[in-house]
Amino acid sequence: LIPLAVAYGAVWGMHKVLGRTRTTMLSAQSISSKVRSTTVA
């Protein structure tokens, strides 16, 4: 039961981290695109 609970917590934590990473990367990508277009202009 103890290793099963630890494994469940690890999977749940990775799911949360992946969700936050996706939203963070999308906002970082939009900021990077704005910086690139401004630099080119």
Full PDB file with SEQRES, HELIX, SHEET, SSBOND, CRYST1, ORIGX, SCALE, CONECT and MASTER records, all heavy atoms in Angstrom:
SEQRES   1 A   41  LEU ILE PRO LEU ALA VAL ALA TYR GLY ALA VAL TRP GLY          
SEQRES   2 A   41  MET HIS LYS VAL LEU GLY ARG THR ARG THR THR MET LEU          
SEQRES   3 A   41  SER ALA GLN SER ILE SER SER LYS VAL ARG SER THR THR          
SEQRES   4 A   41  VAL ALA                                                      
HELIX    1 AA1 ILE A    2  VAL A   40  1                                  39    
CRYST1    1.000    1.000    1.000  90.00  90.00  90.00 P 1           1          
ORIGX1      1.000000  0.000000  0.000000        0.00000                         
ORIGX2      0.000000  1.000000  0.000000        0.00000                         
ORIGX3      0.000000  0.000000  1.000000        0.00000                         
SCALE1      1.000000  0.000000  0.000000        0.00000                         
SCALE2      0.000000  1.000000  0.000000        0.00000                         
SCALE3      0.000000  0.000000  1.000000        0.00000                         
ATOM      1  N   LEU A   1       0.817  -1.202   0.000  1.00  0.00           N  
ATOM      2  CA  LEU A   1       0.000   0.000   0.000  1.00  0.00           C  
ATOM      3  C   LEU A   1       0.858   1.261   0.000  1.00  0.00           C  
ATOM      4  O   LEU A   1       0.545   2.231  -0.692  1.00  0.00           O  
ATOM      5  CB  LEU A   1      -0.937  -0.014   1.214  1.00  0.00           C  
ATOM      6  CG  LEU A   1      -2.033   1.032   1.248  1.00  0.00           C  
ATOM      7  CD1 LEU A   1      -2.967   0.805   0.069  1.00  0.00           C  
ATOM      8  CD2 LEU A   1      -2.789   0.953   2.547  1.00  0.00           C  
ATOM      9  N   ILE A   2       1.958   1.243   0.710  1.00  0.00           N  
ATOM     10  CA  ILE A   2       2.838   2.417   0.785  1.00  0.00           C  
ATOM     11  C   ILE A   2       3.480   2.721  -0.571  1.00  0.00           C  
ATOM     12  O   ILE A   2       3.385   3.850  -1.045  1.00  0.00           O  
ATOM     13  CB  ILE A   2       3.887   2.243   1.908  1.00  0.00           C  
ATOM     14  CG1 ILE A   2       3.170   2.246   3.267  1.00  0.00           C  
ATOM     15  CG2 ILE A   2       4.944   3.333   1.845  1.00  0.00           C  
ATOM     16  CD1 ILE A   2       4.050   1.859   4.424  1.00  0.00           C  
ATOM     17  N   PRO A   3       4.121   1.753  -1.256  1.00  0.00           N  
ATOM     18  CA  PRO A   3       4.662   2.078  -2.588  1.00  0.00           C  
ATOM     19  C   PRO A   3       3.575   2.464  -3.592  1.00  0.00           C  
ATOM     20  O   PRO A   3       3.796   3.320  -4.458  1.00  0.00           O  
ATOM     21  CB  PRO A   3       5.364   0.786  -3.034  1.00  0.00           C  
ATOM     22  CG  PRO A   3       5.624   0.036  -1.802  1.00  0.00           C  
ATOM     23  CD  PRO A   3       4.529   0.410  -0.850  1.00  0.00           C  
ATOM     24  N   LEU A   4       2.393   1.877  -3.475  1.00  0.00           N  
ATOM     25  CA  LEU A   4       1.300   2.230  -4.366  1.00  0.00           C  
ATOM     26  C   LEU A   4       0.866   3.679  -4.143  1.00  0.00           C  
ATOM     27  O   LEU A   4       0.647   4.423  -5.101  1.00  0.00           O  
ATOM     28  CB  LEU A   4       0.115   1.290  -4.167  1.00  0.00           C  
ATOM     29  CG  LEU A   4      -1.090   1.504  -5.075  1.00  0.00           C  
ATOM     30  CD1 LEU A   4      -0.697   1.219  -6.521  1.00  0.00           C  
ATOM     31  CD2 LEU A   4      -2.234   0.619  -4.642  1.00  0.00           C  
ATOM     32  N   ALA A   5       0.803   4.109  -2.896  1.00  0.00           N  
ATOM     33  CA  ALA A   5       0.442   5.498  -2.594  1.00  0.00           C  
ATOM     34  C   ALA A   5       1.519   6.460  -3.086  1.00  0.00           C  
ATOM     35  O   ALA A   5       1.214   7.533  -3.621  1.00  0.00           O  
ATOM     36  CB  ALA A   5       0.222   5.661  -1.092  1.00  0.00           C  
ATOM     37  N   VAL A   6       2.783   6.094  -2.945  1.00  0.00           N  
ATOM     38  CA  VAL A   6       3.878   6.937  -3.429  1.00  0.00           C  
ATOM     39  C   VAL A   6       3.835   7.039  -4.951  1.00  0.00           C  
ATOM     40  O   VAL A   6       3.998   8.126  -5.521  1.00  0.00           O  
ATOM     41  CB  VAL A   6       5.250   6.383  -2.941  1.00  0.00           C  
ATOM     42  CG1 VAL A   6       6.394   7.065  -3.652  1.00  0.00           C  
ATOM     43  CG2 VAL A   6       5.372   6.537  -1.442  1.00  0.00           C  
ATOM     44  N   ALA A   7       3.593   5.932  -5.624  1.00  0.00           N  
ATOM     45  CA  ALA A   7       3.519   5.949  -7.084  1.00  0.00           C  
ATOM     46  C   ALA A   7       2.328   6.788  -7.552  1.00  0.00           C  
ATOM     47  O   ALA A   7       2.434   7.551  -8.513  1.00  0.00           O  
ATOM     48  CB  ALA A   7       3.410   4.528  -7.626  1.00  0.00           C  
ATOM     49  N   TYR A   8       1.185   6.661  -6.869  1.00  0.00           N  
ATOM     50  CA  TYR A   8       0.021   7.474  -7.224  1.00  0.00           C  
ATOM     51  C   TYR A   8       0.321   8.956  -7.043  1.00  0.00           C  
ATOM     52  O   TYR A   8      -0.021   9.779  -7.891  1.00  0.00           O  
ATOM     53  CB  TYR A   8      -1.184   7.070  -6.368  1.00  0.00           C  
ATOM     54  CG  TYR A   8      -2.400   7.919  -6.641  1.00  0.00           C  
ATOM     55  CD1 TYR A   8      -3.166   7.709  -7.776  1.00  0.00           C  
ATOM     56  CD2 TYR A   8      -2.766   8.939  -5.774  1.00  0.00           C  
ATOM     57  CE1 TYR A   8      -4.272   8.492  -8.044  1.00  0.00           C  
ATOM     58  CE2 TYR A   8      -3.869   9.731  -6.031  1.00  0.00           C  
ATOM     59  CZ  TYR A   8      -4.627   9.498  -7.160  1.00  0.00           C  
ATOM     60  OH  TYR A   8      -5.719  10.281  -7.415  1.00  0.00           O  
ATOM     61  N   GLY A   9       0.983   9.310  -5.949  1.00  0.00           N  
ATOM     62  CA  GLY A   9       1.350  10.711  -5.716  1.00  0.00           C  
ATOM     63  C   GLY A   9       2.310  11.227  -6.774  1.00  0.00           C  
ATOM     64  O   GLY A   9       2.196  12.371  -7.214  1.00  0.00           O  
ATOM     65  N   ALA A  10       3.246  10.387  -7.201  1.00  0.00           N  
ATOM     66  CA  ALA A  10       4.196  10.804  -8.236  1.00  0.00           C  
ATOM     67  C   ALA A  10       3.489  11.037  -9.570  1.00  0.00           C  
ATOM     68  O   ALA A  10       3.753  12.023 -10.260  1.00  0.00           O  
ATOM     69  CB  ALA A  10       5.292   9.751  -8.394  1.00  0.00           C  
ATOM     70  N   VAL A  11       2.566  10.161  -9.931  1.00  0.00           N  
ATOM     71  CA  VAL A  11       1.836  10.315 -11.187  1.00  0.00           C  
ATOM     72  C   VAL A  11       0.949  11.554 -11.121  1.00  0.00           C  
ATOM     73  O   VAL A  11       0.882  12.334 -12.079  1.00  0.00           O  
ATOM     74  CB  VAL A  11       0.999   9.051 -11.490  1.00  0.00           C  
ATOM     75  CG1 VAL A  11       0.022   9.284 -12.634  1.00  0.00           C  
ATOM     76  CG2 VAL A  11       1.919   7.896 -11.823  1.00  0.00           C  
ATOM     77  N   TRP A  12       0.271  11.775 -10.014  1.00  0.00           N  
ATOM     78  CA  TRP A  12      -0.581  12.952  -9.850  1.00  0.00           C  
ATOM     79  C   TRP A  12       0.247  14.239  -9.928  1.00  0.00           C  
ATOM     80  O   TRP A  12      -0.144  15.205 -10.581  1.00  0.00           O  
ATOM     81  CB  TRP A  12      -1.316  12.875  -8.516  1.00  0.00           C  
ATOM     82  CG  TRP A  12      -2.207  14.031  -8.243  1.00  0.00           C  
ATOM     83  CD1 TRP A  12      -3.445  14.255  -8.754  1.00  0.00           C  
ATOM     84  CD2 TRP A  12      -1.903  15.141  -7.400  1.00  0.00           C  
ATOM     85  NE1 TRP A  12      -3.942  15.436  -8.268  1.00  0.00           N  
ATOM     86  CE2 TRP A  12      -3.021  16.007  -7.438  1.00  0.00           C  
ATOM     87  CE3 TRP A  12      -0.816  15.492  -6.617  1.00  0.00           C  
ATOM     88  CZ2 TRP A  12      -3.058  17.191  -6.724  1.00  0.00           C  
ATOM     89  CZ3 TRP A  12      -0.863  16.670  -5.896  1.00  0.00           C  
ATOM     90  CH2 TRP A  12      -1.973  17.504  -5.961  1.00  0.00           C  
ATOM     91  N   GLY A  13       1.409  14.237  -9.263  1.00  0.00           N  
ATOM     92  CA  GLY A  13       2.285  15.406  -9.296  1.00  0.00           C  
ATOM     93  C   GLY A  13       2.801  15.697 -10.692  1.00  0.00           C  
ATOM     94  O   GLY A  13       2.851  16.857 -11.119  1.00  0.00           O  
ATOM     95  N   MET A  14       3.190  14.668 -11.423  1.00  0.00           N  
ATOM     96  CA  MET A  14       3.670  14.874 -12.790  1.00  0.00           C  
ATOM     97  C   MET A  14       2.555  15.393 -13.691  1.00  0.00           C  
ATOM     98  O   MET A  14       2.797  16.195 -14.587  1.00  0.00           O  
ATOM     99  CB  MET A  14       4.238  13.573 -13.361  1.00  0.00           C  
ATOM    100  CG  MET A  14       5.576  13.194 -12.767  1.00  0.00           C  
ATOM    101  SD  MET A  14       6.828  14.469 -12.942  1.00  0.00           S  
ATOM    102  CE  MET A  14       7.044  14.496 -14.678  1.00  0.00           C  
ATOM    103  N   HIS A  15       1.330  14.947 -13.447  1.00  0.00           N  
ATOM    104  CA  HIS A  15       0.186  15.449 -14.212  1.00  0.00           C  
ATOM    105  C   HIS A  15      -0.009  16.944 -13.956  1.00  0.00           C  
ATOM    106  O   HIS A  15      -0.229  17.719 -14.901  1.00  0.00           O  
ATOM    107  CB  HIS A  15      -1.068  14.671 -13.843  1.00  0.00           C  
ATOM    108  CG  HIS A  15      -2.295  15.117 -14.561  1.00  0.00           C  
ATOM    109  ND1 HIS A  15      -2.482  14.882 -15.902  1.00  0.00           N  
ATOM    110  CD2 HIS A  15      -3.377  15.794 -14.143  1.00  0.00           C  
ATOM    111  CE1 HIS A  15      -3.644  15.401 -16.271  1.00  0.00           C  
ATOM    112  NE2 HIS A  15      -4.208  15.959 -15.214  1.00  0.00           N  
ATOM    113  N   LYS A  16       0.103  17.367 -12.719  1.00  0.00           N  
ATOM    114  CA  LYS A  16      -0.038  18.787 -12.392  1.00  0.00           C  
ATOM    115  C   LYS A  16       1.102  19.603 -12.997  1.00  0.00           C  
ATOM    116  O   LYS A  16       0.889  20.686 -13.538  1.00  0.00           O  
ATOM    117  CB  LYS A  16      -0.063  18.990 -10.869  1.00  0.00           C  
ATOM    118  CG  LYS A  16      -1.313  18.500 -10.221  1.00  0.00           C  
ATOM    119  CD  LYS A  16      -2.482  19.357 -10.633  1.00  0.00           C  
ATOM    120  CE  LYS A  16      -3.734  18.913  -9.919  1.00  0.00           C  
ATOM    121  NZ  LYS A  16      -4.908  19.625 -10.329  1.00  0.00           N  
ATOM    122  N   VAL A  17       2.322  19.099 -12.897  1.00  0.00           N  
ATOM    123  CA  VAL A  17       3.478  19.805 -13.458  1.00  0.00           C  
ATOM    124  C   VAL A  17       3.349  19.931 -14.974  1.00  0.00           C  
ATOM    125  O   VAL A  17       3.641  20.983 -15.551  1.00  0.00           O  
ATOM    126  CB  VAL A  17       4.795  19.086 -13.070  1.00  0.00           C  
ATOM    127  CG1 VAL A  17       5.970  19.591 -13.877  1.00  0.00           C  
ATOM    128  CG2 VAL A  17       5.061  19.248 -11.578  1.00  0.00           C  
ATOM    129  N   LEU A  18       2.893  18.882 -15.636  1.00  0.00           N  
ATOM    130  CA  LEU A  18       2.721  18.919 -17.087  1.00  0.00           C  
ATOM    131  C   LEU A  18       1.666  19.944 -17.485  1.00  0.00           C  
ATOM    132  O   LEU A  18       1.843  20.681 -18.451  1.00  0.00           O  
ATOM    133  CB  LEU A  18       2.350  17.537 -17.607  1.00  0.00           C  
ATOM    134  CG  LEU A  18       2.183  17.402 -19.117  1.00  0.00           C  
ATOM    135  CD1 LEU A  18       3.487  17.719 -19.823  1.00  0.00           C  
ATOM    136  CD2 LEU A  18       1.722  16.002 -19.470  1.00  0.00           C  
ATOM    137  N   GLY A  19       0.582  20.017 -16.722  1.00  0.00           N  
ATOM    138  CA  GLY A  19      -0.454  21.002 -17.014  1.00  0.00           C  
ATOM    139  C   GLY A  19       0.052  22.425 -16.878  1.00  0.00           C  
ATOM    140  O   GLY A  19      -0.219  23.288 -17.713  1.00  0.00           O  
ATOM    141  N   ARG A  20       0.808  22.690 -15.834  1.00  0.00           N  
ATOM    142  CA  ARG A  20       1.367  24.029 -15.645  1.00  0.00           C  
ATOM    143  C   ARG A  20       2.420  24.343 -16.694  1.00  0.00           C  
ATOM    144  O   ARG A  20       2.535  25.483 -17.142  1.00  0.00           O  
ATOM    145  CB  ARG A  20       1.967  24.170 -14.255  1.00  0.00           C  
ATOM    146  CG  ARG A  20       0.937  24.351 -13.201  1.00  0.00           C  
ATOM    147  CD  ARG A  20       1.557  24.756 -11.897  1.00  0.00           C  
ATOM    148  NE  ARG A  20       0.511  24.914 -10.896  1.00  0.00           N  
ATOM    149  CZ  ARG A  20       0.747  25.150  -9.648  1.00  0.00           C  
ATOM    150  NH1 ARG A  20       1.994  25.257  -9.224  1.00  0.00           N  
ATOM    151  NH2 ARG A  20      -0.242  25.281  -8.801  1.00  0.00           N  
ATOM    152  N   THR A  21       3.196  23.349 -17.075  1.00  0.00           N  
ATOM    153  CA  THR A  21       4.235  23.565 -18.079  1.00  0.00           C  
ATOM    154  C   THR A  21       3.624  23.930 -19.422  1.00  0.00           C  
ATOM    155  O   THR A  21       4.134  24.808 -20.117  1.00  0.00           O  
ATOM    156  CB  THR A  21       5.103  22.302 -18.221  1.00  0.00           C  
ATOM    157  OG1 THR A  21       5.652  21.977 -16.952  1.00  0.00           O  
ATOM    158  CG2 THR A  21       6.221  22.508 -19.207  1.00  0.00           C  
ATOM    159  N   ARG A  22       2.522  23.289 -19.771  1.00  0.00           N  
ATOM    160  CA  ARG A  22       1.876  23.603 -21.051  1.00  0.00           C  
ATOM    161  C   ARG A  22       1.406  25.044 -21.088  1.00  0.00           C  
ATOM    162  O   ARG A  22       1.639  25.753 -22.064  1.00  0.00           O  
ATOM    163  CB  ARG A  22       0.701  22.664 -21.287  1.00  0.00           C  
ATOM    164  CG  ARG A  22       1.106  21.301 -21.730  1.00  0.00           C  
ATOM    165  CD  ARG A  22      -0.095  20.440 -22.027  1.00  0.00           C  
ATOM    166  NE  ARG A  22       0.341  19.103 -22.410  1.00  0.00           N  
ATOM    167  CZ  ARG A  22      -0.402  18.030 -22.280  1.00  0.00           C  
ATOM    168  NH1 ARG A  22      -1.617  18.125 -21.793  1.00  0.00           N  
ATOM    169  NH2 ARG A  22       0.068  16.867 -22.636  1.00  0.00           N  
ATOM    170  N   THR A  23       0.743  25.496 -20.027  1.00  0.00           N  
ATOM    171  CA  THR A  23       0.252  26.878 -20.024  1.00  0.00           C  
ATOM    172  C   THR A  23       1.410  27.863 -19.985  1.00  0.00           C  
ATOM    173  O   THR A  23       1.366  28.899 -20.662  1.00  0.00           O  
ATOM    174  CB  THR A  23      -0.680  27.125 -18.827  1.00  0.00           C  
ATOM    175  OG1 THR A  23       0.010  26.825 -17.617  1.00  0.00           O  
ATOM    176  CG2 THR A  23      -1.937  26.280 -18.925  1.00  0.00           C  
ATOM    177  N   THR A  24       2.446  27.544 -19.233  1.00  0.00           N  
ATOM    178  CA  THR A  24       3.606  28.430 -19.164  1.00  0.00           C  
ATOM    179  C   THR A  24       4.310  28.511 -20.512  1.00  0.00           C  
ATOM    180  O   THR A  24       4.715  29.593 -20.945  1.00  0.00           O  
ATOM    181  CB  THR A  24       4.589  27.942 -18.086  1.00  0.00           C  
ATOM    182  OG1 THR A  24       3.902  27.831 -16.841  1.00  0.00           O  
ATOM    183  CG2 THR A  24       5.758  28.885 -17.935  1.00  0.00           C  
ATOM    184  N   MET A  25       4.465  27.381 -21.172  1.00  0.00           N  
ATOM    185  CA  MET A  25       5.139  27.377 -22.469  1.00  0.00           C  
ATOM    186  C   MET A  25       4.326  28.117 -23.535  1.00  0.00           C  
ATOM    187  O   MET A  25       4.893  28.766 -24.412  1.00  0.00           O  
ATOM    188  CB  MET A  25       5.420  25.941 -22.932  1.00  0.00           C  
ATOM    189  CG  MET A  25       6.531  25.290 -22.188  1.00  0.00           C  
ATOM    190  SD  MET A  25       8.047  26.224 -22.433  1.00  0.00           S  
ATOM    191  CE  MET A  25       8.989  25.702 -21.062  1.00  0.00           C  
ATOM    192  N   LEU A  26       3.002  28.020 -23.473  1.00  0.00           N  
ATOM    193  CA  LEU A  26       2.185  28.749 -24.437  1.00  0.00           C  
ATOM    194  C   LEU A  26       2.336  30.255 -24.248  1.00  0.00           C  
ATOM    195  O   LEU A  26       2.459  31.001 -25.226  1.00  0.00           O  
ATOM    196  CB  LEU A  26       0.718  28.341 -24.300  1.00  0.00           C  
ATOM    197  CG  LEU A  26       0.369  26.971 -24.859  1.00  0.00           C  
ATOM    198  CD1 LEU A  26      -1.100  26.641 -24.558  1.00  0.00           C  
ATOM    199  CD2 LEU A  26       0.621  26.901 -26.342  1.00  0.00           C  
ATOM    200  N   SER A  27       2.356  30.714 -22.998  1.00  0.00           N  
ATOM    201  CA  SER A  27       2.525  32.151 -22.784  1.00  0.00           C  
ATOM    202  C   SER A  27       3.947  32.583 -23.153  1.00  0.00           C  
ATOM    203  O   SER A  27       4.143  33.658 -23.726  1.00  0.00           O  
ATOM    204  CB  SER A  27       2.202  32.520 -21.336  1.00  0.00           C  
ATOM    205  OG  SER A  27       3.113  31.917 -20.450  1.00  0.00           O  
ATOM    206  N   ALA A  28       4.924  31.747 -22.844  1.00  0.00           N  
ATOM    207  CA  ALA A  28       6.302  32.073 -23.225  1.00  0.00           C  
ATOM    208  C   ALA A  28       6.460  32.102 -24.743  1.00  0.00           C  
ATOM    209  O   ALA A  28       7.188  32.932 -25.287  1.00  0.00           O  
ATOM    210  CB  ALA A  28       7.272  31.062 -22.622  1.00  0.00           C  
ATOM    211  N   GLN A  29       5.768  31.230 -25.434  1.00  0.00           N  
ATOM    212  CA  GLN A  29       5.838  31.200 -26.893  1.00  0.00           C  
ATOM    213  C   GLN A  29       5.222  32.468 -27.484  1.00  0.00           C  
ATOM    214  O   GLN A  29       5.767  33.038 -28.438  1.00  0.00           O  
ATOM    215  CB  GLN A  29       5.115  29.969 -27.417  1.00  0.00           C  
ATOM    216  CG  GLN A  29       5.219  29.794 -28.915  1.00  0.00           C  
ATOM    217  CD  GLN A  29       4.490  28.542 -29.389  1.00  0.00           C  
ATOM    218  OE1 GLN A  29       3.705  27.959 -28.657  1.00  0.00           O  
ATOM    219  NE2 GLN A  29       4.756  28.153 -30.618  1.00  0.00           N  
ATOM    220  N   SER A  30       4.120  32.928 -26.924  1.00  0.00           N  
ATOM    221  CA  SER A  30       3.515  34.152 -27.460  1.00  0.00           C  
ATOM    222  C   SER A  30       4.394  35.364 -27.190  1.00  0.00           C  
ATOM    223  O   SER A  30       4.547  36.236 -28.045  1.00  0.00           O  
ATOM    224  CB  SER A  30       2.121  34.360 -26.862  1.00  0.00           C  
ATOM    225  OG  SER A  30       2.207  34.714 -25.503  1.00  0.00           O  
ATOM    226  N   ILE A  31       5.017  35.421 -26.018  1.00  0.00           N  
ATOM    227  CA  ILE A  31       5.924  36.529 -25.706  1.00  0.00           C  
ATOM    228  C   ILE A  31       7.135  36.484 -26.634  1.00  0.00           C  
ATOM    229  O   ILE A  31       7.573  37.511 -27.156  1.00  0.00           O  
ATOM    230  CB  ILE A  31       6.351  36.481 -24.226  1.00  0.00           C  
ATOM    231  CG1 ILE A  31       5.155  36.817 -23.335  1.00  0.00           C  
ATOM    232  CG2 ILE A  31       7.503  37.429 -23.953  1.00  0.00           C  
ATOM    233  CD1 ILE A  31       5.403  36.578 -21.866  1.00  0.00           C  
ATOM    234  N   SER A  32       7.669  35.292 -26.863  1.00  0.00           N  
ATOM    235  CA  SER A  32       8.816  35.147 -27.762  1.00  0.00           C  
ATOM    236  C   SER A  32       8.467  35.569 -29.178  1.00  0.00           C  
ATOM    237  O   SER A  32       9.278  36.203 -29.865  1.00  0.00           O  
ATOM    238  CB  SER A  32       9.289  33.697 -27.745  1.00  0.00           C  
ATOM    239  OG  SER A  32      10.273  33.479 -28.706  1.00  0.00           O  
ATOM    240  N   SER A  33       7.265  35.244 -29.625  1.00  0.00           N  
ATOM    241  CA  SER A  33       6.837  35.644 -30.960  1.00  0.00           C  
ATOM    242  C   SER A  33       6.725  37.163 -31.068  1.00  0.00           C  
ATOM    243  O   SER A  33       7.140  37.751 -32.076  1.00  0.00           O  
ATOM    244  CB  SER A  33       5.486  34.999 -31.268  1.00  0.00           C  
ATOM    245  OG  SER A  33       4.983  35.468 -32.491  1.00  0.00           O  
ATOM    246  N   LYS A  34       6.189  37.812 -30.039  1.00  0.00           N  
ATOM    247  CA  LYS A  34       6.089  39.274 -30.046  1.00  0.00           C  
ATOM    248  C   LYS A  34       7.476  39.914 -30.063  1.00  0.00           C  
ATOM    249  O   LYS A  34       7.710  40.890 -30.784  1.00  0.00           O  
ATOM    250  CB  LYS A  34       5.313  39.760 -28.826  1.00  0.00           C  
ATOM    251  CG  LYS A  34       3.839  39.477 -28.891  1.00  0.00           C  
ATOM    252  CD  LYS A  34       3.147  39.925 -27.621  1.00  0.00           C  
ATOM    253  CE  LYS A  34       1.698  39.501 -27.614  1.00  0.00           C  
ATOM    254  NZ  LYS A  34       1.036  39.845 -26.344  1.00  0.00           N  
ATOM    255  N   VAL A  35       8.397  39.373 -29.265  1.00  0.00           N  
ATOM    256  CA  VAL A  35       9.766  39.910 -29.229  1.00  0.00           C  
ATOM    257  C   VAL A  35      10.429  39.753 -30.585  1.00  0.00           C  
ATOM    258  O   VAL A  35      11.085  40.674 -31.077  1.00  0.00           O  
ATOM    259  CB  VAL A  35      10.589  39.216 -28.122  1.00  0.00           C  
ATOM    260  CG1 VAL A  35      12.066  39.517 -28.256  1.00  0.00           C  
ATOM    261  CG2 VAL A  35      10.092  39.640 -26.750  1.00  0.00           C  
ATOM    262  N   ARG A  36      10.249  38.581 -31.217  1.00  0.00           N  
ATOM    263  CA  ARG A  36      10.857  38.339 -32.528  1.00  0.00           C  
ATOM    264  C   ARG A  36      10.309  39.298 -33.580  1.00  0.00           C  
ATOM    265  O   ARG A  36      11.075  39.887 -34.350  1.00  0.00           O  
ATOM    266  CB  ARG A  36      10.624  36.895 -32.955  1.00  0.00           C  
ATOM    267  CG  ARG A  36      11.369  36.536 -34.240  1.00  0.00           C  
ATOM    268  CD  ARG A  36      11.080  35.118 -34.689  1.00  0.00           C  
ATOM    269  NE  ARG A  36       9.696  35.001 -35.105  1.00  0.00           N  
ATOM    270  CZ  ARG A  36       8.815  34.141 -34.567  1.00  0.00           C  
ATOM    271  NH1 ARG A  36       9.196  33.342 -33.602  1.00  0.00           N  
ATOM    272  NH2 ARG A  36       7.577  34.095 -35.003  1.00  0.00           N  
ATOM    273  N   SER A  37       8.994  39.479 -33.610  1.00  0.00           N  
ATOM    274  CA  SER A  37       8.423  40.365 -34.626  1.00  0.00           C  
ATOM    275  C   SER A  37       8.826  41.819 -34.384  1.00  0.00           C  
ATOM    276  O   SER A  37       9.102  42.556 -35.337  1.00  0.00           O  
ATOM    277  CB  SER A  37       6.909  40.230 -34.651  1.00  0.00           C  
ATOM    278  OG  SER A  37       6.358  40.642 -33.418  1.00  0.00           O  
ATOM    279  N   THR A  38       8.897  42.241 -33.123  1.00  0.00           N  
ATOM    280  CA  THR A  38       9.337  43.605 -32.822  1.00  0.00           C  
ATOM    281  C   THR A  38      10.797  43.796 -33.208  1.00  0.00           C  
ATOM    282  O   THR A  38      11.168  44.836 -33.768  1.00  0.00           O  
ATOM    283  CB  THR A  38       9.142  43.908 -31.324  1.00  0.00           C  
ATOM    284  OG1 THR A  38       7.784  43.649 -30.974  1.00  0.00           O  
ATOM    285  CG2 THR A  38       9.489  45.340 -31.000  1.00  0.00           C  
ATOM    286  N   THR A  39      11.626  42.800 -32.943  1.00  0.00           N  
ATOM    287  CA  THR A  39      13.044  42.884 -33.292  1.00  0.00           C  
ATOM    288  C   THR A  39      13.225  42.966 -34.803  1.00  0.00           C  
ATOM    289  O   THR A  39      14.033  43.762 -35.293  1.00  0.00           O  
ATOM    290  CB  THR A  39      13.791  41.656 -32.754  1.00  0.00           C  
ATOM    291  OG1 THR A  39      13.596  41.574 -31.351  1.00  0.00           O  
ATOM    292  CG2 THR A  39      15.272  41.737 -33.042  1.00  0.00           C  
ATOM    293  N   VAL A  40      12.475  42.170 -35.537  1.00  0.00           N  
ATOM    294  CA  VAL A  40      12.568  42.207 -36.997  1.00  0.00           C  
ATOM    295  C   VAL A  40      12.141  43.571 -37.524  1.00  0.00           C  
ATOM    296  O   VAL A  40      12.782  44.153 -38.413  1.00  0.00           O  
ATOM    297  CB  VAL A  40      11.728  41.071 -37.626  1.00  0.00           C  
ATOM    298  CG1 VAL A  40      11.525  41.283 -39.108  1.00  0.00           C  
ATOM    299  CG2 VAL A  40      12.383  39.735 -37.365  1.00  0.00           C  
ATOM    300  N   ALA A  41      11.062  44.124 -36.976  1.00  0.00           N  
ATOM    301  CA  ALA A  41      10.577  45.425 -37.438  1.00  0.00           C  
ATOM    302  C   ALA A  41      11.605  46.522 -37.183  1.00  0.00           C  
ATOM    303  O   ALA A  41      11.899  47.348 -38.066  1.00  0.00           O  
ATOM    304  CB  ALA A  41       9.260  45.764 -36.746  1.00  0.00           C  
TER     305      ALA A  41                                                      
MASTER        0    0    0    1    0    0    0    6  304    1    0    4          
END                                                                             
